[in-house]
Amino acid sequence: MKIPDEISRRIDALHKRLKKFSSQDEDDIRKEIKGIYMEIVNAQKALTKAQEELKVITQEFRQRRSAYDELSRFYSFVRSRTSAELDIATLLDKAWNLICVDEFKEALKVLKKALFIDPENIRALGFTALCLMNIGFYDEAMLYLQKVLVIEPENAFALNILGYICYKKGIWGEAIEHLTKARKQVRDRTASMYANYYLGLIYLERSMFNDAIKFFKAALEIGSNFQDAYYYLGVANTKKYEFKKAIEYFNKCSEIDNKTEIGRRAEEEAEKLRLLLEPKRLLGE
């Protein structure tokens, strides 16, 4: 390490004075040696202090660098998760749009990608079950629904589909059990509406017409424009020979939308009943 210029100059000066030493210079030389020595000692203290401060700075630097690295990793994780969540949201929206136009096989392709990203995504599992149900793969659909219910036992969407599949398979007891759970929950009113509707279908098929009517009306209390519920209210009242009431419900069904298949069927059923109530029309009088 290089000696500071000032100290080096003073030491050189001392060397020269010693070459010409005389007793008269003794005190001055002693003072100068002491002065230089004290300056060196003070310089060493300053350097030691600087060294300690540098150690503190080095430690702080390491901590901040570590924190920065951790923060960078955290934000990278957040970005990756956010990206994945956005990808899943986009895929689920696309799948739902396909489901709405009955493109179930295409929707399944999209849902497969969503489940690859997140195998336990409840919506992706539920939509997959819905698609499989609509193309008649009931057993496969039930496997996906079981996965949903393991994650979320009271999931109304899964309970509804599972109840409907049991109904279609003729497993009345399990169907009623699942749908009763779904209709009693309060978080998802749409799920509750469909649970009541599916229960109405079950009791209608079992020729328990008053119970069927009760559940169809309960569905309409939640969704006043639920076209299918009006249609099957018409069917249930027809079975009870309450033809005027049946006509009213069929008319309400077709008034909502007479271009849908069920709307057209409601118009046809209403016309048949009107002919029964007005035999002269049947005879063309």
C-alpha atoms as a PDB file:
ATOM      1  CA  MET A   1       0.000   0.000   0.000  1.00  0.00           C
ATOM      2  CA  LYS A   2       1.397   3.406  -0.916  1.00  0.00           C
ATOM      3  CA  ILE A   3       2.350   5.762   1.955  1.00  0.00           C
ATOM      4  CA  PRO A   4       0.371   8.995   1.838  1.00  0.00           C
ATOM      5  CA  ASP A   5       2.334  11.798   0.165  1.00  0.00           C
ATOM      6  CA  GLU A   6       2.398  14.115   3.216  1.00  0.00           C
ATOM      7  CA  ILE A   7       3.748  11.443   5.554  1.00  0.00           C
ATOM      8  CA  SER A   8       6.274  10.295   2.926  1.00  0.00           C
ATOM      9  CA  ARG A   9       7.511  13.894   2.535  1.00  0.00           C
ATOM     10  CA  ARG A  10       7.939  14.347   6.292  1.00  0.00           C
ATOM     11  CA  ILE A  11       9.812  11.001   6.674  1.00  0.00           C
ATOM     12  CA  ASP A  12      12.181  11.989   3.832  1.00  0.00           C
ATOM     13  CA  ALA A  13      12.804  15.292   5.603  1.00  0.00           C
ATOM     14  CA  LEU A  14      13.667  13.431   8.815  1.00  0.00           C
ATOM     15  CA  HIS A  15      16.182  11.251   6.935  1.00  0.00           C
ATOM     16  CA  LYS A  16      17.947  14.385   5.694  1.00  0.00           C
ATOM     17  CA  ARG A  17      18.014  16.011   9.162  1.00  0.00           C
ATOM     18  CA  LEU A  18      19.480  12.833  10.699  1.00  0.00           C
ATOM     19  CA  LYS A  19      22.367  12.966   8.231  1.00  0.00           C
ATOM     20  CA  LYS A  20      23.205  16.413   9.592  1.00  0.00           C
ATOM     21  CA  PHE A  21      22.259  15.578  13.186  1.00  0.00           C
ATOM     22  CA  SER A  22      23.358  17.837  16.025  1.00  0.00           C
ATOM     23  CA  SER A  23      22.324  17.943  19.668  1.00  0.00           C
ATOM     24  CA  GLN A  24      20.377  21.133  18.967  1.00  0.00           C
ATOM     25  CA  ASP A  25      17.996  19.194  16.626  1.00  0.00           C
ATOM     26  CA  GLU A  26      17.185  16.430  19.152  1.00  0.00           C
ATOM     27  CA  ASP A  27      13.976  17.882  20.563  1.00  0.00           C
ATOM     28  CA  ASP A  28      12.630  18.888  17.154  1.00  0.00           C
ATOM     29  CA  ILE A  29      13.388  15.497  15.666  1.00  0.00           C
ATOM     30  CA  ARG A  30      11.764  13.737  18.647  1.00  0.00           C
ATOM     31  CA  LYS A  31       8.632  15.876  18.259  1.00  0.00           C
ATOM     32  CA  GLU A  32       8.505  15.216  14.506  1.00  0.00           C
ATOM     33  CA  ILE A  33       8.845  11.451  14.970  1.00  0.00           C
ATOM     34  CA  LYS A  34       6.086  11.523  17.565  1.00  0.00           C
ATOM     35  CA  GLY A  35       3.910  13.684  15.309  1.00  0.00           C
ATOM     36  CA  ILE A  36       4.333  11.390  12.312  1.00  0.00           C
ATOM     37  CA  TYR A  37       3.726   8.320  14.489  1.00  0.00           C
ATOM     38  CA  MET A  38       0.484   9.781  15.899  1.00  0.00           C
ATOM     39  CA  GLU A  39      -0.633  10.724  12.408  1.00  0.00           C
ATOM     40  CA  ILE A  40      -0.016   7.131  11.267  1.00  0.00           C
ATOM     41  CA  VAL A  41      -1.879   5.770  14.307  1.00  0.00           C
ATOM     42  CA  ASN A  42      -4.830   8.086  13.663  1.00  0.00           C
ATOM     43  CA  ALA A  43      -4.791   7.125  10.013  1.00  0.00           C
ATOM     44  CA  GLN A  44      -4.850   3.462  10.992  1.00  0.00           C
ATOM     45  CA  LYS A  45      -7.787   4.090  13.322  1.00  0.00           C
ATOM     46  CA  ALA A  46      -9.606   5.886  10.525  1.00  0.00           C
ATOM     47  CA  LEU A  47      -8.883   3.036   8.137  1.00  0.00           C
ATOM     48  CA  THR A  48     -10.009   0.468  10.715  1.00  0.00           C
ATOM     49  CA  LYS A  49     -13.236   2.410  11.224  1.00  0.00           C
ATOM     50  CA  ALA A  50     -13.677   2.682   7.462  1.00  0.00           C
ATOM     51  CA  GLN A  51     -13.048  -1.047   7.231  1.00  0.00           C
ATOM     52  CA  GLU A  52     -15.765  -1.778   9.814  1.00  0.00           C
ATOM     53  CA  GLU A  53     -18.216   0.548   8.075  1.00  0.00           C
ATOM     54  CA  LEU A  54     -17.428  -1.165   4.802  1.00  0.00           C
ATOM     55  CA  LYS A  55     -18.182  -4.531   6.412  1.00  0.00           C
ATOM     56  CA  VAL A  56     -21.586  -3.196   7.527  1.00  0.00           C
ATOM     57  CA  ILE A  57     -22.245  -1.849   4.040  1.00  0.00           C
ATOM     58  CA  THR A  58     -21.199  -5.184   2.536  1.00  0.00           C
ATOM     59  CA  GLN A  59     -23.605  -7.070   4.835  1.00  0.00           C
ATOM     60  CA  GLU A  60     -26.444  -4.648   4.045  1.00  0.00           C
ATOM     61  CA  PHE A  61     -25.680  -5.012   0.343  1.00  0.00           C
ATOM     62  CA  ARG A  62     -25.897  -8.788   0.615  1.00  0.00           C
ATOM     63  CA  GLN A  63     -29.210  -8.575   2.500  1.00  0.00           C
ATOM     64  CA  ARG A  64     -30.688  -6.140   0.016  1.00  0.00           C
ATOM     65  CA  ARG A  65     -29.429  -8.211  -2.893  1.00  0.00           C
ATOM     66  CA  SER A  66     -30.957 -11.317  -1.355  1.00  0.00           C
ATOM     67  CA  ALA A  67     -34.229  -9.472  -0.742  1.00  0.00           C
ATOM     68  CA  TYR A  68     -34.174  -8.203  -4.317  1.00  0.00           C
ATOM     69  CA  ASP A  69     -33.606 -11.730  -5.612  1.00  0.00           C
ATOM     70  CA  GLU A  70     -36.426 -13.037  -3.438  1.00  0.00           C
ATOM     71  CA  LEU A  71     -38.691 -10.238  -4.624  1.00  0.00           C
ATOM     72  CA  SER A  72     -37.765 -10.954  -8.235  1.00  0.00           C
ATOM     73  CA  ARG A  73     -38.545 -14.625  -7.747  1.00  0.00           C
ATOM     74  CA  PHE A  74     -41.820 -13.707  -6.036  1.00  0.00           C
ATOM     75  CA  TYR A  75     -42.909 -11.428  -8.866  1.00  0.00           C
ATOM     76  CA  SER A  76     -41.877 -14.049 -11.395  1.00  0.00           C
ATOM     77  CA  PHE A  77     -44.043 -16.526  -9.514  1.00  0.00           C
ATOM     78  CA  VAL A  78     -46.948 -14.063  -9.386  1.00  0.00           C
ATOM     79  CA  ARG A  79     -46.579 -13.330 -13.092  1.00  0.00           C
ATOM     80  CA  SER A  80     -46.510 -17.027 -13.905  1.00  0.00           C
ATOM     81  CA  ARG A  81     -49.551 -17.717 -11.712  1.00  0.00           C
ATOM     82  CA  THR A  82     -51.398 -14.686 -13.030  1.00  0.00           C
ATOM     83  CA  SER A  83     -50.611 -15.769 -16.566  1.00  0.00           C
ATOM     84  CA  ALA A  84     -51.882 -19.264 -15.805  1.00  0.00           C
ATOM     85  CA  GLU A  85     -55.029 -17.895 -14.181  1.00  0.00           C
ATOM     86  CA  LEU A  86     -55.662 -15.620 -17.138  1.00  0.00           C
ATOM     87  CA  ASP A  87     -55.118 -18.546 -19.489  1.00  0.00           C
ATOM     88  CA  ILE A  88     -57.588 -20.686 -17.548  1.00  0.00           C
ATOM     89  CA  ALA A  89     -60.154 -17.865 -17.391  1.00  0.00           C
ATOM     90  CA  THR A  90     -59.891 -17.410 -21.150  1.00  0.00           C
ATOM     91  CA  LEU A  91     -60.213 -21.149 -21.762  1.00  0.00           C
ATOM     92  CA  LEU A  92     -63.217 -21.454 -19.435  1.00  0.00           C
ATOM     93  CA  ASP A  93     -64.976 -18.547 -21.141  1.00  0.00           C
ATOM     94  CA  LYS A  94     -64.346 -20.137 -24.523  1.00  0.00           C
ATOM     95  CA  ALA A  95     -65.568 -23.528 -23.268  1.00  0.00           C
ATOM     96  CA  TRP A  96     -68.740 -22.020 -21.816  1.00  0.00           C
ATOM     97  CA  ASN A  97     -69.520 -20.219 -25.069  1.00  0.00           C
ATOM     98  CA  LEU A  98     -69.175 -23.541 -26.904  1.00  0.00           C
ATOM     99  CA  ILE A  99     -71.409 -25.272 -24.348  1.00  0.00           C
ATOM    100  CA  CYS A 100     -74.083 -22.606 -24.838  1.00  0.00           C
ATOM    101  CA  VAL A 101     -74.319 -23.487 -28.553  1.00  0.00           C
ATOM    102  CA  ASP A 102     -74.234 -27.263 -27.863  1.00  0.00           C
ATOM    103  CA  GLU A 103     -70.695 -27.701 -29.215  1.00  0.00           C
ATOM    104  CA  PHE A 104     -69.867 -30.132 -26.423  1.00  0.00           C
ATOM    105  CA  LYS A 105     -67.053 -32.057 -28.117  1.00  0.00           C
ATOM    106  CA  GLU A 106     -65.251 -28.842 -29.050  1.00  0.00           C
ATOM    107  CA  ALA A 107     -65.743 -27.563 -25.511  1.00  0.00           C
ATOM    108  CA  LEU A 108     -64.139 -30.747 -24.166  1.00  0.00           C
ATOM    109  CA  LYS A 109     -60.992 -30.045 -26.208  1.00  0.00           C
ATOM    110  CA  VAL A 110     -60.724 -26.595 -24.644  1.00  0.00           C
ATOM    111  CA  LEU A 111     -61.415 -27.911 -21.148  1.00  0.00           C
ATOM    112  CA  LYS A 112     -58.676 -30.511 -21.538  1.00  0.00           C
ATOM    113  CA  LYS A 113     -56.181 -27.634 -21.920  1.00  0.00           C
ATOM    114  CA  ALA A 114     -57.566 -25.891 -18.837  1.00  0.00           C
ATOM    115  CA  LEU A 115     -57.256 -29.059 -16.743  1.00  0.00           C
ATOM    116  CA  PHE A 116     -53.696 -29.547 -17.935  1.00  0.00           C
ATOM    117  CA  ILE A 117     -52.859 -26.146 -16.388  1.00  0.00           C
ATOM    118  CA  ASP A 118     -54.876 -26.745 -13.207  1.00  0.00           C
ATOM    119  CA  PRO A 119     -56.110 -30.355 -12.724  1.00  0.00           C
ATOM    120  CA  GLU A 120     -58.211 -29.364  -9.694  1.00  0.00           C
ATOM    121  CA  ASN A 121     -59.991 -26.362 -11.174  1.00  0.00           C
ATOM    122  CA  ILE A 122     -63.585 -26.819 -10.039  1.00  0.00           C
ATOM    123  CA  ARG A 123     -65.183 -24.969 -12.945  1.00  0.00           C
ATOM    124  CA  ALA A 124     -63.163 -26.890 -15.526  1.00  0.00           C
ATOM    125  CA  LEU A 125     -64.087 -30.192 -13.866  1.00  0.00           C
ATOM    126  CA  GLY A 126     -67.757 -29.215 -13.654  1.00  0.00           C
ATOM    127  CA  PHE A 127     -67.944 -28.023 -17.265  1.00  0.00           C
ATOM    128  CA  THR A 128     -66.263 -31.231 -18.401  1.00  0.00           C
ATOM    129  CA  ALA A 129     -68.897 -33.266 -16.558  1.00  0.00           C
ATOM    130  CA  LEU A 130     -71.649 -31.142 -18.119  1.00  0.00           C
ATOM    131  CA  CYS A 131     -70.286 -31.784 -21.620  1.00  0.00           C
ATOM    132  CA  LEU A 132     -69.942 -35.510 -21.016  1.00  0.00           C
ATOM    133  CA  MET A 133     -73.475 -35.651 -19.636  1.00  0.00           C
ATOM    134  CA  ASN A 134     -74.886 -33.924 -22.697  1.00  0.00           C
ATOM    135  CA  ILE A 135     -73.255 -36.399 -25.076  1.00  0.00           C
ATOM    136  CA  GLY A 136     -74.485 -39.362 -23.022  1.00  0.00           C
ATOM    137  CA  PHE A 137     -71.250 -40.342 -21.240  1.00  0.00           C
ATOM    138  CA  TYR A 138     -72.876 -40.458 -17.823  1.00  0.00           C
ATOM    139  CA  ASP A 139     -70.360 -42.675 -16.025  1.00  0.00           C
ATOM    140  CA  GLU A 140     -67.396 -40.575 -17.208  1.00  0.00           C
ATOM    141  CA  ALA A 141     -69.227 -37.411 -16.176  1.00  0.00           C
ATOM    142  CA  MET A 142     -69.812 -38.827 -12.696  1.00  0.00           C
ATOM    143  CA  LEU A 143     -66.059 -39.361 -12.225  1.00  0.00           C
ATOM    144  CA  TYR A 144     -65.412 -35.648 -12.809  1.00  0.00           C
ATOM    145  CA  LEU A 145     -68.277 -34.687 -10.507  1.00  0.00           C
ATOM    146  CA  GLN A 146     -66.838 -36.854  -7.740  1.00  0.00           C
ATOM    147  CA  LYS A 147     -63.557 -34.941  -8.072  1.00  0.00           C
ATOM    148  CA  VAL A 148     -65.434 -31.654  -7.640  1.00  0.00           C
ATOM    149  CA  LEU A 149     -67.293 -32.916  -4.579  1.00  0.00           C
ATOM    150  CA  VAL A 150     -64.076 -34.167  -2.957  1.00  0.00           C
ATOM    151  CA  ILE A 151     -62.701 -30.623  -3.239  1.00  0.00           C
ATOM    152  CA  GLU A 152     -65.983 -28.860  -2.429  1.00  0.00           C
ATOM    153  CA  PRO A 153     -68.628 -31.236  -0.967  1.00  0.00           C
ATOM    154  CA  GLU A 154     -71.492 -28.733  -1.168  1.00  0.00           C
ATOM    155  CA  ASN A 155     -70.837 -27.566  -4.729  1.00  0.00           C
ATOM    156  CA  ALA A 156     -74.365 -26.973  -6.054  1.00  0.00           C
ATOM    157  CA  PHE A 157     -73.373 -27.130  -9.728  1.00  0.00           C
ATOM    158  CA  ALA A 158     -71.903 -30.622  -9.303  1.00  0.00           C
ATOM    159  CA  LEU A 159     -74.779 -31.799  -7.111  1.00  0.00           C
ATOM    160  CA  ASN A 160     -77.244 -30.671  -9.771  1.00  0.00           C
ATOM    161  CA  ILE A 161     -75.546 -32.485 -12.633  1.00  0.00           C
ATOM    162  CA  LEU A 162     -74.990 -35.585 -10.511  1.00  0.00           C
ATOM    163  CA  GLY A 163     -78.646 -35.528  -9.488  1.00  0.00           C
ATOM    164  CA  TYR A 164     -79.773 -35.161 -13.104  1.00  0.00           C
ATOM    165  CA  ILE A 165     -77.522 -38.053 -14.236  1.00  0.00           C
ATOM    166  CA  CYS A 166     -78.927 -40.270 -11.466  1.00  0.00           C
ATOM    167  CA  TYR A 167     -82.415 -39.271 -12.622  1.00  0.00           C
ATOM    168  CA  LYS A 168     -81.591 -40.220 -16.232  1.00  0.00           C
ATOM    169  CA  LYS A 169     -80.120 -43.546 -15.030  1.00  0.00           C
ATOM    170  CA  GLY A 170     -83.263 -44.212 -12.971  1.00  0.00           C
ATOM    171  CA  ILE A 171     -81.485 -43.994  -9.604  1.00  0.00           C
ATOM    172  CA  TRP A 172     -84.315 -42.040  -7.990  1.00  0.00           C
ATOM    173  CA  GLY A 173     -83.139 -42.053  -4.369  1.00  0.00           C
ATOM    174  CA  GLU A 174     -79.654 -40.708  -5.080  1.00  0.00           C
ATOM    175  CA  ALA A 175     -81.028 -38.191  -7.573  1.00  0.00           C
ATOM    176  CA  ILE A 176     -83.437 -36.758  -5.000  1.00  0.00           C
ATOM    177  CA  GLU A 177     -80.705 -36.718  -2.332  1.00  0.00           C
ATOM    178  CA  HIS A 178     -78.242 -34.740  -4.473  1.00  0.00           C
ATOM    179  CA  LEU A 179     -80.854 -32.328  -5.826  1.00  0.00           C
ATOM    180  CA  THR A 180     -82.360 -31.673  -2.399  1.00  0.00           C
ATOM    181  CA  LYS A 181     -78.908 -30.593  -1.160  1.00  0.00           C
ATOM    182  CA  ALA A 182     -78.494 -28.320  -4.176  1.00  0.00           C
ATOM    183  CA  ARG A 183     -81.909 -26.656  -3.832  1.00  0.00           C
ATOM    184  CA  LYS A 184     -81.369 -25.856  -0.141  1.00  0.00           C
ATOM    185  CA  GLN A 185     -78.134 -23.907  -0.594  1.00  0.00           C
ATOM    186  CA  VAL A 186     -78.528 -20.132  -0.896  1.00  0.00           C
ATOM    187  CA  ARG A 187     -75.279 -18.973  -2.545  1.00  0.00           C
ATOM    188  CA  ASP A 188     -76.129 -20.020  -6.108  1.00  0.00           C
ATOM    189  CA  ARG A 189     -79.740 -19.162  -6.984  1.00  0.00           C
ATOM    190  CA  THR A 190     -79.418 -20.506 -10.509  1.00  0.00           C
ATOM    191  CA  ALA A 191     -78.288 -23.870  -9.161  1.00  0.00           C
ATOM    192  CA  SER A 192     -81.198 -23.854  -6.735  1.00  0.00           C
ATOM    193  CA  MET A 193     -83.589 -23.068  -9.595  1.00  0.00           C
ATOM    194  CA  TYR A 194     -82.347 -26.005 -11.667  1.00  0.00           C
ATOM    195  CA  ALA A 195     -82.410 -28.332  -8.659  1.00  0.00           C
ATOM    196  CA  ASN A 196     -86.105 -27.560  -8.189  1.00  0.00           C
ATOM    197  CA  TYR A 197     -86.707 -28.046 -11.914  1.00  0.00           C
ATOM    198  CA  TYR A 198     -84.937 -31.429 -11.999  1.00  0.00           C
ATOM    199  CA  LEU A 199     -86.855 -32.552  -8.911  1.00  0.00           C
ATOM    200  CA  GLY A 200     -90.037 -31.575 -10.736  1.00  0.00           C
ATOM    201  CA  LEU A 201     -89.020 -33.799 -13.669  1.00  0.00           C
ATOM    202  CA  ILE A 202     -88.364 -36.720 -11.327  1.00  0.00           C
ATOM    203  CA  TYR A 203     -91.750 -36.463  -9.618  1.00  0.00           C
ATOM    204  CA  LEU A 204     -93.478 -35.913 -12.959  1.00  0.00           C
ATOM    205  CA  GLU A 205     -91.969 -39.137 -14.287  1.00  0.00           C
ATOM    206  CA  ARG A 206     -93.053 -40.931 -11.125  1.00  0.00           C
ATOM    207  CA  SER A 207     -96.637 -39.643 -11.715  1.00  0.00           C
ATOM    208  CA  MET A 208     -96.528 -37.610  -8.489  1.00  0.00           C
ATOM    209  CA  PHE A 209     -98.009 -34.613 -10.236  1.00  0.00           C
ATOM    210  CA  ASN A 210     -98.734 -32.369  -7.235  1.00  0.00           C
ATOM    211  CA  ASP A 211     -95.127 -32.673  -6.043  1.00  0.00           C
ATOM    212  CA  ALA A 212     -93.875 -32.034  -9.569  1.00  0.00           C
ATOM    213  CA  ILE A 213     -96.008 -28.873  -9.808  1.00  0.00           C
ATOM    214  CA  LYS A 214     -94.677 -27.692  -6.435  1.00  0.00           C
ATOM    215  CA  PHE A 215     -91.067 -27.961  -7.602  1.00  0.00           C
ATOM    216  CA  PHE A 216     -91.697 -26.374 -11.010  1.00  0.00           C
ATOM    217  CA  LYS A 217     -93.349 -23.417  -9.277  1.00  0.00           C
ATOM    218  CA  ALA A 218     -90.415 -23.166  -6.852  1.00  0.00           C
ATOM    219  CA  ALA A 219     -88.087 -22.957  -9.848  1.00  0.00           C
ATOM    220  CA  LEU A 220     -90.191 -20.152 -11.318  1.00  0.00           C
ATOM    221  CA  GLU A 221     -90.078 -18.218  -8.043  1.00  0.00           C
ATOM    222  CA  ILE A 222     -86.324 -17.945  -8.626  1.00  0.00           C
ATOM    223  CA  GLY A 223     -86.389 -17.518 -12.418  1.00  0.00           C
ATOM    224  CA  SER A 224     -89.691 -16.097 -13.615  1.00  0.00           C
ATOM    225  CA  ASN A 225     -88.793 -16.594 -17.305  1.00  0.00           C
ATOM    226  CA  PHE A 226     -87.672 -20.206 -16.966  1.00  0.00           C
ATOM    227  CA  GLN A 227     -89.339 -21.454 -20.138  1.00  0.00           C
ATOM    228  CA  ASP A 228     -88.869 -25.186 -19.531  1.00  0.00           C
ATOM    229  CA  ALA A 229     -90.540 -24.987 -16.110  1.00  0.00           C
ATOM    230  CA  TYR A 230     -93.653 -23.421 -17.674  1.00  0.00           C
ATOM    231  CA  TYR A 231     -93.756 -26.166 -20.287  1.00  0.00           C
ATOM    232  CA  TYR A 232     -93.615 -28.987 -17.764  1.00  0.00           C
ATOM    233  CA  LEU A 233     -96.146 -27.249 -15.551  1.00  0.00           C
ATOM    234  CA  GLY A 234     -98.388 -27.499 -18.606  1.00  0.00           C
ATOM    235  CA  VAL A 235     -97.533 -31.193 -18.958  1.00  0.00           C
ATOM    236  CA  ALA A 236     -98.177 -31.902 -15.245  1.00  0.00           C
ATOM    237  CA  ASN A 237    -101.541 -30.157 -15.336  1.00  0.00           C
ATOM    238  CA  THR A 238    -102.446 -32.018 -18.504  1.00  0.00           C
ATOM    239  CA  LYS A 239    -101.761 -35.277 -16.664  1.00  0.00           C
ATOM    240  CA  LYS A 240    -104.161 -34.085 -13.957  1.00  0.00           C
ATOM    241  CA  TYR A 241    -106.757 -33.220 -16.606  1.00  0.00           C
ATOM    242  CA  GLU A 242    -106.521 -29.570 -15.588  1.00  0.00           C
ATOM    243  CA  PHE A 243    -106.617 -28.536 -19.250  1.00  0.00           C
ATOM    244  CA  LYS A 244    -107.333 -24.827 -18.781  1.00  0.00           C
ATOM    245  CA  LYS A 245    -104.422 -24.424 -16.385  1.00  0.00           C
ATOM    246  CA  ALA A 246    -102.245 -26.441 -18.713  1.00  0.00           C
ATOM    247  CA  ILE A 247    -103.122 -24.141 -21.640  1.00  0.00           C
ATOM    248  CA  GLU A 248    -102.192 -21.105 -19.532  1.00  0.00           C
ATOM    249  CA  TYR A 249     -98.766 -22.548 -18.761  1.00  0.00           C
ATOM    250  CA  PHE A 250     -98.153 -23.627 -22.352  1.00  0.00           C
ATOM    251  CA  ASN A 251     -99.100 -20.135 -23.502  1.00  0.00           C
ATOM    252  CA  LYS A 252     -96.661 -18.546 -21.035  1.00  0.00           C
ATOM    253  CA  CYS A 253     -93.957 -20.874 -22.288  1.00  0.00           C
ATOM    254  CA  SER A 254     -94.490 -19.941 -25.951  1.00  0.00           C
ATOM    255  CA  GLU A 255     -94.836 -16.236 -25.112  1.00  0.00           C
ATOM    256  CA  ILE A 256     -91.296 -16.208 -23.717  1.00  0.00           C
ATOM    257  CA  ASP A 257     -89.928 -17.465 -27.056  1.00  0.00           C
ATOM    258  CA  ASN A 258     -91.981 -19.352 -29.635  1.00  0.00           C
ATOM    259  CA  LYS A 259     -88.959 -19.933 -31.864  1.00  0.00           C
ATOM    260  CA  THR A 260     -87.250 -22.362 -29.506  1.00  0.00           C
ATOM    261  CA  GLU A 261     -88.032 -26.057 -29.750  1.00  0.00           C
ATOM    262  CA  ILE A 262     -89.807 -26.091 -26.407  1.00  0.00           C
ATOM    263  CA  GLY A 263     -91.699 -22.912 -27.320  1.00  0.00           C
ATOM    264  CA  ARG A 264     -93.013 -24.557 -30.497  1.00  0.00           C
ATOM    265  CA  ARG A 265     -93.936 -27.708 -28.596  1.00  0.00           C
ATOM    266  CA  ALA A 266     -95.850 -25.605 -26.064  1.00  0.00           C
ATOM    267  CA  GLU A 267     -97.892 -23.997 -28.870  1.00  0.00           C
ATOM    268  CA  GLU A 268     -98.693 -27.422 -30.311  1.00  0.00           C
ATOM    269  CA  GLU A 269     -99.756 -28.813 -26.916  1.00  0.00           C
ATOM    270  CA  ALA A 270    -101.899 -25.768 -26.184  1.00  0.00           C
ATOM    271  CA  GLU A 271    -103.646 -26.147 -29.553  1.00  0.00           C
ATOM    272  CA  LYS A 272    -104.361 -29.824 -28.899  1.00  0.00           C
ATOM    273  CA  LEU A 273    -105.958 -28.998 -25.572  1.00  0.00           C
ATOM    274  CA  ARG A 274    -108.008 -26.170 -27.056  1.00  0.00           C
ATOM    275  CA  LEU A 275    -109.432 -28.637 -29.569  1.00  0.00           C
ATOM    276  CA  LEU A 276    -110.417 -30.936 -26.690  1.00  0.00           C
ATOM    277  CA  LEU A 277    -112.125 -28.076 -24.882  1.00  0.00           C
ATOM    278  CA  GLU A 278    -113.806 -26.808 -28.035  1.00  0.00           C
ATOM    279  CA  PRO A 279    -115.017 -29.869 -29.952  1.00  0.00           C
ATOM    280  CA  LYS A 280    -116.781 -27.705 -32.512  1.00  0.00           C
ATOM    281  CA  ARG A 281    -113.361 -26.476 -33.696  1.00  0.00           C
ATOM    282  CA  LEU A 282    -112.298 -30.104 -34.122  1.00  0.00           C
ATOM    283  CA  LEU A 283    -115.319 -30.691 -36.342  1.00  0.00           C
ATOM    284  CA  GLY A 284    -114.631 -27.509 -38.256  1.00  0.00           C
ATOM    285  CA  GLU A 285    -117.856 -25.842 -37.224  1.00  0.00           C
END
